[in-house]
């Protein structure tokens, strides 16, 4: 003869199974969101790289045109570095 769980044990068993299913679903959703965030992060990293490269090229161009110096961001005035 087969044994059977009590109604309370069966309810608790079902509750744990339901909880495990919900947690697996949440985990899947979080991993999906993580993947989207990682993709967006890669886009931003590429934008930072491109921006940094563009800035370096621009600064090199300014250095070639005006020589080494410090630029006042408010006025655009260039103060030459002594010895340059």
Protein backbone atom coordinates (compact mmCIF):
# COMPACT_ATOMS: atom_id res chain seq x y z
CA UNK A 1 0.00 0.00 0.00
CA UNK A 2 1.26 3.46 -0.89
CA UNK A 3 1.72 6.05 1.80
CA UNK A 4 0.16 9.46 1.45
CA UNK A 5 1.05 12.89 2.77
CA UNK A 6 -1.28 14.53 5.19
CA UNK A 7 -3.25 17.45 3.76
CA UNK A 8 -1.01 19.85 5.71
CA UNK A 9 2.17 18.21 4.39
CA UNK A 10 0.81 18.26 0.85
CA UNK A 11 -0.04 21.96 1.19
CA UNK A 12 3.44 22.74 2.52
CA UNK A 13 5.01 20.70 -0.29
CA UNK A 14 2.97 22.57 -2.90
CA UNK A 15 3.90 25.87 -1.26
CA UNK A 16 7.62 25.10 -1.54
CA UNK A 17 7.23 24.01 -5.16
CA UNK A 18 5.32 27.19 -5.96
CA UNK A 19 7.95 29.31 -4.24
CA UNK A 20 10.74 27.55 -6.17
CA UNK A 21 8.91 28.20 -9.45
CA UNK A 22 8.45 31.88 -8.59
CA UNK A 23 12.10 32.25 -7.59
CA UNK A 24 13.23 30.59 -10.83
CA UNK A 25 11.04 33.00 -12.79
CA UNK A 26 12.43 36.01 -10.91
CA UNK A 27 15.97 34.75 -11.42
CA UNK A 28 15.33 34.41 -15.15
CA UNK A 29 13.92 37.94 -15.35
CA UNK A 30 16.86 39.37 -13.41
CA UNK A 31 19.34 37.60 -15.67
CA UNK A 32 17.52 38.98 -18.70
CA UNK A 33 17.67 42.50 -17.24
CA UNK A 34 21.35 41.98 -16.38
CA UNK A 35 22.04 41.06 -20.00
CA UNK A 36 20.30 44.21 -21.21
CA UNK A 37 22.30 46.31 -18.75
CA UNK A 38 25.55 44.65 -19.86
CA UNK A 39 24.73 45.44 -23.50
CA UNK A 40 23.97 49.06 -22.61
CA UNK A 41 27.18 49.24 -20.56
CA UNK A 42 29.18 48.09 -23.58
CA UNK A 43 27.57 50.84 -25.69
CA UNK A 44 28.50 53.45 -23.10
CA UNK A 45 32.06 52.10 -22.81
CA UNK A 46 32.43 52.39 -26.59
CA UNK A 47 31.08 55.95 -26.48
CA UNK A 48 33.59 56.83 -23.75
CA UNK A 49 36.41 55.33 -25.82
CA UNK A 50 35.35 57.24 -28.93
CA UNK A 51 34.94 60.48 -26.98
CA UNK A 52 38.35 60.08 -25.34
CA UNK A 53 40.02 59.42 -28.69
CA UNK A 54 38.28 62.45 -30.24
CA UNK A 55 39.32 64.63 -27.31
CA UNK A 56 42.94 63.48 -27.57
CA UNK A 57 42.99 64.26 -31.30
CA UNK A 58 41.48 67.69 -30.65
CA UNK A 59 43.95 68.47 -27.88
CA UNK A 60 46.82 67.40 -30.14
CA UNK A 61 45.52 69.73 -32.86
CA UNK A 62 45.30 72.61 -30.36
CA UNK A 63 48.80 71.83 -29.11
CA UNK A 64 50.16 71.92 -32.66
CA UNK A 65 48.38 75.20 -33.37
CA UNK A 66 49.01 77.06 -30.08
CA UNK A 67 51.79 75.13 -28.37
CA UNK A 68 51.64 73.63 -24.91
CA UNK A 69 49.62 75.62 -22.45
CA UNK A 70 46.76 75.80 -20.04
CA UNK A 71 43.34 76.80 -21.34
CA UNK A 72 40.94 78.92 -19.30
CA UNK A 73 37.62 77.15 -19.84
CA UNK A 74 35.60 80.35 -19.28
CA UNK A 75 37.52 82.71 -21.58
CA UNK A 76 39.46 80.42 -23.92
CA UNK A 77 42.69 82.23 -23.01
CA UNK A 78 45.78 80.09 -23.35
CA UNK A 79 48.58 80.50 -20.82
CA UNK A 80 51.80 79.03 -22.24
CA UNK A 81 53.69 76.55 -20.12
CA UNK A 82 57.10 78.00 -19.22
CA UNK A 83 59.91 76.33 -21.08
CA UNK A 84 57.75 75.39 -24.05
